[in-house]
Amino acid sequence: MFRRFRPLHLPGLALALILLVGLGSNVAALVSGDGPRAGSDFSVRALAEGEPTAALGRFLLHHNPLADTLVAVDRAIAWNLVGDLGTRVRQGCPGWLFLTDELELHPDPDRALAERVGIVRRVAAFLQRRNIALVVALVPDKSRVEAAELCGLDRPAALAPRYREAMSALAAAAAPIRTADLLEPLSALDGERYYRTDTHWNERGARTAAEAIAAALRRAGLAPPPGQAEFRVAKGKPHERVGDLIRLAGLDEVPLPFRPRGDEVADSEIAQSAKAGTGLFDELPAPQVAVIGTSFSRRANFTNFLAMALTAPVIDKAEDGGSQTKAAIAYFADPAFTAAPPRVIVWEIPERIVQTPVAASEMAWAAGLSGEK
């Protein structure tokens, strides 16, 4: 006697279909392709160590013509049937996606924060010996600034004081560390400040953050002389921007309407030139401000907006990847840093990083800046 079909059976049936199609395409790849048979080692030792199985897995991974399609179909079915976005992404209000990294509680967060502030302290001392000032800009979590769009998505209460605790720890560090508060101006800005389907701030948020940093530099007497550059801003054509959270959910290759719709944007096109009469041949002067940090500095025209707010050129030395130290490690090792050092470095650090465990390699690098072991 057959059981009555129920909608909750659909994900299982879809998965079974995908597995059957995958099995068929794997068999086809083995029959028609140059499989791992030729030259394979089928000795007792190789069999015991799983070498033939590993070779087969590598072959199917790279030679199955439907591999990418099957993965995309699986993710699309999971999203459309049960709203599953994988382990890294959660949905808030309709159309809003959030990174689970921002919502995660880490073991021993106080120790991690102290160690990360210690890294900043060592970097600040390293730069001070070279007459370079450091300004740290902590980027508030999207889920903090856009909390109204969570729609029941849980952000643990223990994370509420994280931003202010990190800012206080930086201010209390026994080193010449200046900070730029981005939470207050972003919170005061009405409307959307972060992309709906992306981790990062949108152009409104990026411009507000850049202007706050420029104001902090001026208050500290660290801003370059104004009026060194002129800017022309034009709006590009509106288009769909598929955010990194859609990609993290494995849905970026899935067509609409079977994936979340991306943000509708019209990116600014910013051209920079030297102001007439500023120097020989009206060339831009050497930048006095450099930005290190993460993908936040490389999205939504942030660095261009900072240069506009300062009316002076800015060096972009940020790196994608989300690590606190990745950009700093690369920039300080660059011969250009020694040959033409900036006067000020703005270090952009996402809030979600400050309580994550610190890698031994990061600690060793920071200690090495001052010759510590």
Protein backbone atom coordinates (compact mmCIF):
# COMPACT_ATOMS: atom_id res chain seq x y z
CA MET A 1 0.00 0.00 0.00
CA PHE A 2 1.46 3.38 -1.09
CA ARG A 3 1.80 6.25 1.37
CA ARG A 4 0.09 9.49 0.51
CA PHE A 5 2.48 11.95 -1.14
CA ARG A 6 3.29 15.06 0.90
CA PRO A 7 5.14 18.26 -0.08
CA LEU A 8 7.83 17.56 2.51
CA HIS A 9 8.85 14.59 0.36
CA LEU A 10 9.85 16.92 -2.51
CA PRO A 11 13.42 17.71 -1.30
CA GLY A 12 14.15 13.99 -0.91
CA LEU A 13 12.73 13.18 -4.34
CA ALA A 14 14.69 16.04 -5.90
CA LEU A 15 17.89 14.84 -4.25
CA ALA A 16 17.25 11.30 -5.47
CA LEU A 17 16.78 12.60 -9.01
CA ILE A 18 20.00 14.62 -8.81
CA LEU A 19 21.88 11.56 -7.55
CA LEU A 20 20.50 9.45 -10.39
CA VAL A 21 21.47 12.06 -12.98
CA GLY A 22 24.87 12.42 -11.35
CA LEU A 23 25.39 8.66 -11.41
CA GLY A 24 24.49 8.56 -15.09
CA SER A 25 26.83 11.43 -15.97
CA ASN A 26 29.65 9.84 -13.94
CA VAL A 27 29.23 6.56 -15.79
CA ALA A 28 29.19 8.43 -19.10
CA ALA A 29 32.37 10.28 -18.14
CA LEU A 30 34.11 7.04 -17.23
CA VAL A 31 33.05 5.31 -20.45
CA SER A 32 33.84 8.15 -22.83
CA GLY A 33 36.72 9.91 -21.08
CA ASP A 34 40.34 9.12 -20.40
CA GLY A 35 39.60 7.82 -16.94
CA PRO A 36 42.05 6.97 -14.20
CA ARG A 37 42.49 3.43 -15.52
CA ALA A 38 45.57 4.03 -17.62
CA GLY A 39 48.70 4.14 -15.52
CA SER A 40 46.83 3.67 -12.26
CA ASP A 41 48.54 1.83 -9.46
CA PHE A 42 46.41 -1.10 -8.28
CA SER A 43 49.00 -2.64 -6.00
CA VAL A 44 48.04 -3.89 -2.55
CA ARG A 45 49.74 -0.86 -0.99
CA ALA A 46 47.94 1.57 -3.29
CA LEU A 47 44.59 -0.10 -2.65
CA ALA A 48 45.17 0.00 1.11
CA GLU A 49 45.98 3.73 0.96
CA GLY A 50 42.98 4.49 -1.23
CA GLU A 51 44.93 5.82 -4.21
CA PRO A 52 42.67 4.35 -6.92
CA THR A 53 39.59 5.75 -5.16
CA ALA A 54 41.20 9.19 -4.84
CA ALA A 55 42.19 9.11 -8.52
CA LEU A 56 38.63 8.21 -9.47
CA GLY A 57 37.26 11.07 -7.37
CA ARG A 58 39.64 13.57 -8.96
CA PHE A 59 38.74 12.37 -12.43
CA LEU A 60 35.00 12.64 -11.87
CA LEU A 61 35.40 16.06 -10.28
CA HIS A 62 37.13 17.48 -13.36
CA HIS A 63 35.57 15.42 -16.17
CA ASN A 64 31.91 15.11 -15.27
CA PRO A 65 30.24 17.49 -17.75
CA LEU A 66 27.23 18.02 -15.48
CA ALA A 67 29.06 18.56 -12.19
CA ASP A 68 28.55 22.33 -11.95
CA THR A 69 25.00 22.09 -13.26
CA LEU A 70 24.06 19.43 -10.73
CA VAL A 71 25.43 21.51 -7.86
CA ALA A 72 23.50 24.56 -9.08
CA VAL A 73 20.30 22.53 -9.47
CA ASP A 74 20.71 21.09 -5.97
CA ARG A 75 21.15 24.57 -4.45
CA ALA A 76 18.20 25.97 -6.43
CA ILE A 77 15.93 23.15 -5.27
CA ALA A 78 17.01 23.59 -1.65
CA TRP A 79 16.33 27.33 -1.82
CA ASN A 80 12.99 27.14 -3.62
CA LEU A 81 11.54 24.26 -1.64
CA VAL A 82 12.74 24.86 1.90
CA GLY A 83 14.49 28.27 1.82
CA ASP A 84 17.92 26.71 2.44
CA LEU A 85 20.84 29.05 1.71
CA GLY A 86 23.61 26.81 3.01
CA THR A 87 25.67 27.26 6.16
CA ARG A 88 27.09 30.75 5.52
CA VAL A 89 23.96 32.72 4.64
CA ARG A 90 20.64 33.44 6.37
CA GLN A 91 17.57 35.30 5.14
CA GLY A 92 16.11 38.17 7.12
CA CYS A 93 13.25 40.27 5.81
CA PRO A 94 12.17 39.51 2.22
CA GLY A 95 15.07 40.26 -0.11
CA TRP A 96 17.63 40.70 2.71
CA LEU A 97 20.48 38.22 3.21
CA PHE A 98 22.99 38.16 6.07
CA LEU A 99 26.35 36.48 6.65
CA THR A 100 26.26 33.94 9.49
CA ASP A 101 29.84 34.91 10.46
CA GLU A 102 28.40 38.11 11.95
CA LEU A 103 26.01 36.12 14.15
CA GLU A 104 28.51 33.57 15.45
CA LEU A 105 29.69 33.44 19.05
CA HIS A 106 33.36 32.54 19.35
CA PRO A 107 35.15 30.79 22.23
CA ASP A 108 37.06 33.09 24.59
CA PRO A 109 36.11 36.30 22.76
CA ASP A 110 37.83 38.57 25.30
CA ARG A 111 41.16 36.90 24.70
CA ALA A 112 40.73 37.10 20.94
CA LEU A 113 39.86 40.80 21.14
CA ALA A 114 42.89 41.49 23.35
CA GLU A 115 45.17 39.67 20.90
CA ARG A 116 43.75 41.50 17.90
CA VAL A 117 44.16 44.85 19.62
CA GLY A 118 47.70 43.73 20.45
CA ILE A 119 48.36 43.23 16.75
CA VAL A 120 47.10 46.76 16.05
CA ARG A 121 49.31 48.10 18.85
CA ARG A 122 52.42 46.48 17.36
CA VAL A 123 51.57 47.79 13.90
CA ALA A 124 51.03 51.29 15.29
CA ALA A 125 54.43 51.21 17.01
CA PHE A 126 56.06 49.90 13.80
CA LEU A 127 54.56 52.78 11.84
CA GLN A 128 55.38 55.40 14.47
CA ARG A 129 59.08 54.54 14.11
CA ARG A 130 58.66 55.48 10.46
CA ASN A 131 56.73 58.68 11.23
CA ILE A 132 53.51 57.23 9.85
CA ALA A 133 50.25 57.76 11.73
CA LEU A 134 47.62 55.03 12.05
CA VAL A 135 43.85 55.50 12.07
CA VAL A 136 41.68 52.42 12.64
CA ALA A 137 38.17 52.37 11.16
CA LEU A 138 36.06 49.54 12.58
CA VAL A 139 33.26 48.58 10.16
CA PRO A 140 30.02 47.76 12.01
CA ASP A 141 28.26 44.51 11.14
CA LYS A 142 25.56 44.72 8.51
CA SER A 143 23.28 42.87 10.93
CA ARG A 144 23.89 45.63 13.50
CA VAL A 145 23.30 48.63 11.23
CA GLU A 146 20.45 47.01 9.29
CA ALA A 147 18.92 45.30 12.35
CA ALA A 148 15.45 46.41 11.28
CA GLU A 149 15.76 44.04 8.30
CA LEU A 150 16.49 40.90 10.37
CA CYS A 151 12.78 40.02 10.68
CA GLY A 152 13.26 37.53 13.48
CA LEU A 153 16.72 36.33 12.46
CA ASP A 154 18.55 35.88 15.76
CA ARG A 155 21.52 38.11 16.50
CA PRO A 156 22.78 36.96 19.91
CA ALA A 157 22.45 39.57 22.66
CA ALA A 158 26.06 38.86 23.67
CA LEU A 159 27.16 40.61 20.46
CA ALA A 160 25.44 43.89 21.34
CA PRO A 161 28.46 45.49 23.09
CA ARG A 162 31.09 44.07 20.70
CA TYR A 163 31.60 47.19 18.58
CA ARG A 164 31.92 49.58 21.52
CA GLU A 165 34.12 47.17 23.47
CA ALA A 166 36.49 46.94 20.51
CA MET A 167 36.59 50.72 20.06
CA SER A 168 37.28 51.20 23.77
CA ALA A 169 40.05 48.58 23.72
CA LEU A 170 41.70 50.32 20.77
CA ALA A 171 41.49 53.71 22.46
CA ALA A 172 42.98 52.29 25.68
CA ALA A 173 45.92 50.59 23.96
CA ALA A 174 49.30 51.91 25.04
CA ALA A 175 50.21 52.99 21.53
CA PRO A 176 49.49 55.91 19.19
CA ILE A 177 46.24 54.45 17.80
CA ARG A 178 43.59 56.84 16.56
CA THR A 179 40.12 55.61 15.64
CA ALA A 180 37.29 56.76 13.39
CA ASP A 181 33.81 55.92 14.65
CA LEU A 182 31.68 54.67 11.76
CA LEU A 183 28.73 53.32 13.74
CA GLU A 184 27.26 56.68 14.71
CA PRO A 185 27.20 58.23 11.21
CA LEU A 186 25.96 55.02 9.60
CA SER A 187 23.22 54.66 12.22
CA ALA A 188 22.17 58.27 11.70
CA LEU A 189 21.86 57.81 7.94
CA ASP A 190 18.32 56.97 6.90
CA GLY A 191 17.53 54.40 4.24
CA GLU A 192 19.64 51.44 3.19
CA ARG A 193 23.35 51.54 3.99
CA TYR A 194 24.38 48.00 3.03
CA TYR A 195 23.56 45.98 -0.05
CA ARG A 196 20.62 43.65 0.48
CA THR A 197 22.31 40.58 -1.02
CA ASP A 198 25.91 41.39 -0.16
CA THR A 199 28.02 41.56 2.99
CA HIS A 200 29.28 45.05 2.20
CA TRP A 201 28.03 48.60 2.50
CA ASN A 202 26.40 50.13 -0.56
CA GLU A 203 27.58 53.44 -2.03
CA ARG A 204 25.52 55.47 0.44
CA GLY A 205 27.13 53.63 3.33
CA ALA A 206 30.61 53.73 1.81
CA ARG A 207 30.42 57.47 1.18
CA THR A 208 29.17 58.15 4.72
CA ALA A 209 32.00 56.06 6.18
CA ALA A 210 34.58 57.78 3.97
CA GLU A 211 33.39 61.23 5.02
CA ALA A 212 33.53 60.21 8.70
CA ILE A 213 37.12 59.02 8.28
CA ALA A 214 38.10 62.20 6.43
CA ALA A 215 36.61 64.26 9.27
CA ALA A 216 38.57 62.23 11.83
CA LEU A 217 41.78 62.85 9.87
CA ARG A 218 41.12 66.58 9.79
CA ARG A 219 40.39 66.69 13.55
CA ALA A 220 43.70 64.93 14.23
CA GLY A 221 45.63 67.24 11.90
CA LEU A 222 46.47 64.30 9.64
CA ALA A 223 44.54 65.22 6.52
CA PRO A 224 46.59 66.10 3.44
CA PRO A 225 46.37 69.66 2.09
CA PRO A 226 42.94 69.99 0.47
CA GLY A 227 42.28 70.86 -3.15
CA GLN A 228 44.94 68.61 -4.67
CA ALA A 229 42.52 66.75 -6.90
CA GLU A 230 39.28 67.26 -8.79
CA PHE A 231 36.63 64.63 -9.33
CA ARG A 232 33.96 64.01 -11.94
CA VAL A 233 31.12 61.74 -10.91
CA ALA A 234 28.62 60.15 -13.28
CA LYS A 235 26.01 57.49 -12.68
CA GLY A 236 26.23 54.27 -14.64
CA LYS A 237 23.26 52.40 -16.04
CA PRO A 238 20.99 50.59 -13.57
CA HIS A 239 21.66 46.86 -13.42
CA GLU A 240 21.24 43.87 -11.15
CA ARG A 241 24.17 43.37 -8.80
CA VAL A 242 24.39 39.75 -7.68
CA GLY A 243 25.85 40.01 -4.19
CA ASP A 244 28.49 37.85 -2.56
CA LEU A 245 25.86 36.31 -0.27
CA ILE A 246 24.07 34.90 -3.32
CA ARG A 247 27.40 33.46 -4.43
CA LEU A 248 28.11 32.03 -0.97
CA ALA A 249 24.71 30.34 -1.14
CA GLY A 250 25.78 28.69 -4.42
CA LEU A 251 23.01 30.39 -6.37
CA ASP A 252 24.92 32.88 -8.53
CA GLU A 253 24.74 30.60 -11.60
CA VAL A 254 21.02 29.99 -11.13
CA PRO A 255 18.76 32.18 -13.29
CA LEU A 256 15.90 34.29 -12.00
CA PRO A 257 13.34 33.65 -10.61
CA PHE A 258 14.91 30.54 -9.05
CA ARG A 259 17.35 32.50 -6.86
CA PRO A 260 17.10 35.66 -4.74
CA ARG A 261 17.06 38.82 -6.82
CA GLY A 262 20.22 40.90 -6.54
CA ASP A 263 20.40 44.59 -5.70
CA GLU A 264 19.28 47.10 -8.32
CA VAL A 265 22.17 49.57 -8.56
CA ALA A 266 23.56 52.33 -10.74
CA ASP A 267 27.24 52.42 -9.85
CA SER A 268 29.05 55.76 -9.68
CA GLU A 269 31.79 56.27 -12.23
CA ILE A 270 34.41 58.49 -10.60
CA ALA A 271 37.25 60.10 -12.53
CA GLN A 272 40.10 61.79 -10.66
CA SER A 273 42.49 64.39 -11.98
CA ALA A 274 44.92 66.95 -10.62
CA LYS A 275 43.55 70.38 -9.91
CA ALA A 276 44.88 72.92 -12.37
CA GLY A 277 47.91 74.76 -11.05
CA THR A 278 48.77 72.24 -8.32
CA GLY A 279 52.21 71.39 -9.66
CA LEU A 280 54.46 70.77 -12.61
CA PHE A 281 52.39 69.57 -15.59
CA ASP A 282 49.37 69.53 -13.25
CA GLU A 283 50.19 66.01 -12.10
CA LEU A 284 48.60 64.49 -9.02
CA PRO A 285 50.96 64.75 -6.03
CA ALA A 286 52.15 61.62 -4.30
CA PRO A 287 49.34 60.34 -2.05
CA GLN A 288 49.83 60.96 1.67
CA VAL A 289 47.02 58.59 2.76
CA ALA A 290 46.97 54.82 2.19
CA VAL A 291 44.12 52.42 2.95
CA ILE A 292 44.72 48.86 4.09
CA GLY A 293 41.95 46.50 5.05
CA THR A 294 39.48 44.12 3.53
CA SER A 295 36.96 43.93 0.71
CA PHE A 296 34.95 46.73 2.36
CA SER A 297 37.61 49.14 1.10
CA ARG A 298 37.35 47.62 -2.38
CA ARG A 299 33.57 47.83 -2.77
CA ALA A 300 31.06 50.59 -3.48
CA ASN A 301 33.75 53.15 -4.44
CA PHE A 302 34.87 53.56 -0.83
CA THR A 303 38.45 54.60 -1.62
CA ASN A 304 37.27 57.02 -4.30
CA PHE A 305 34.79 58.55 -1.85
CA LEU A 306 37.57 58.96 0.73
CA ALA A 307 39.73 60.73 -1.85
CA MET A 308 36.77 62.95 -2.75
CA ALA A 309 36.17 63.82 0.90
CA LEU A 310 39.85 64.76 1.28
CA THR A 311 40.11 66.31 -2.23
CA ALA A 312 43.42 64.49 -2.40
CA PRO A 313 44.62 61.17 -3.85
CA VAL A 314 44.52 58.00 -1.74
CA ILE A 315 46.49 54.76 -2.16
CA ASP A 316 44.32 51.63 -2.19
CA LYS A 317 46.23 48.71 -0.66
CA ALA A 318 43.28 46.74 0.70
CA GLU A 319 42.90 43.04 -0.03
CA ASP A 320 39.89 40.79 -0.47
CA GLY A 321 39.63 37.88 1.93
CA GLY A 322 38.36 39.20 5.25
CA SER A 323 41.60 38.81 7.22
CA GLN A 324 42.75 41.46 9.66
CA THR A 325 46.40 41.30 8.60
CA LYS A 326 46.42 40.18 4.96
CA ALA A 327 46.64 43.65 3.43
CA ALA A 328 49.11 44.94 6.03
CA ILE A 329 51.45 41.99 5.46
CA ALA A 330 51.43 42.53 1.70
CA TYR A 331 51.80 46.32 1.84
CA PHE A 332 54.62 46.44 4.37
CA ALA A 333 56.56 43.92 2.27
CA ASP A 334 56.05 46.01 -0.88
CA PRO A 335 59.23 47.96 -1.85
CA ALA A 336 56.97 50.91 -2.68
CA PHE A 337 56.07 51.19 1.01
CA THR A 338 59.72 51.78 1.90
CA ALA A 339 60.49 53.92 -1.13
CA ALA A 340 57.45 56.20 -0.86
CA PRO A 341 55.78 55.76 2.53
CA PRO A 342 52.48 57.52 3.18
CA ARG A 343 51.98 60.02 5.98
CA VAL A 344 48.85 58.24 7.26
CA ILE A 345 47.48 54.71 7.02
CA VAL A 346 43.76 54.08 7.43
CA TRP A 347 43.24 50.50 8.60
CA GLU A 348 39.69 49.29 7.92
CA ILE A 349 38.75 46.24 10.03
CA PRO A 350 35.31 44.55 10.00
CA GLU A 351 33.66 44.21 13.40
CA ARG A 352 32.95 40.51 12.84
CA ILE A 353 36.71 39.80 12.89
CA VAL A 354 37.59 41.26 16.28
CA GLN A 355 36.50 38.30 18.41
CA THR A 356 37.61 35.52 16.05
CA PRO A 357 40.55 33.35 17.19
CA VAL A 358 43.91 34.71 16.08
CA ALA A 359 46.13 32.50 13.95
CA ALA A 360 49.64 31.81 15.21
CA SER A 361 51.00 33.14 11.92
CA GLU A 362 49.31 36.52 12.52
CA MET A 363 50.77 36.77 16.01
CA ALA A 364 54.22 35.81 14.76
CA TRP A 365 54.10 38.42 11.98
CA ALA A 366 53.04 41.19 14.38
CA ALA A 367 55.73 40.22 16.87
CA GLY A 368 58.29 40.27 14.06
CA LEU A 369 57.54 43.90 13.29
CA SER A 370 59.34 44.87 16.49
CA GLY A 371 61.88 42.07 16.44
CA GLU A 372 60.05 40.05 19.10
CA LYS A 373 60.23 36.28 19.11
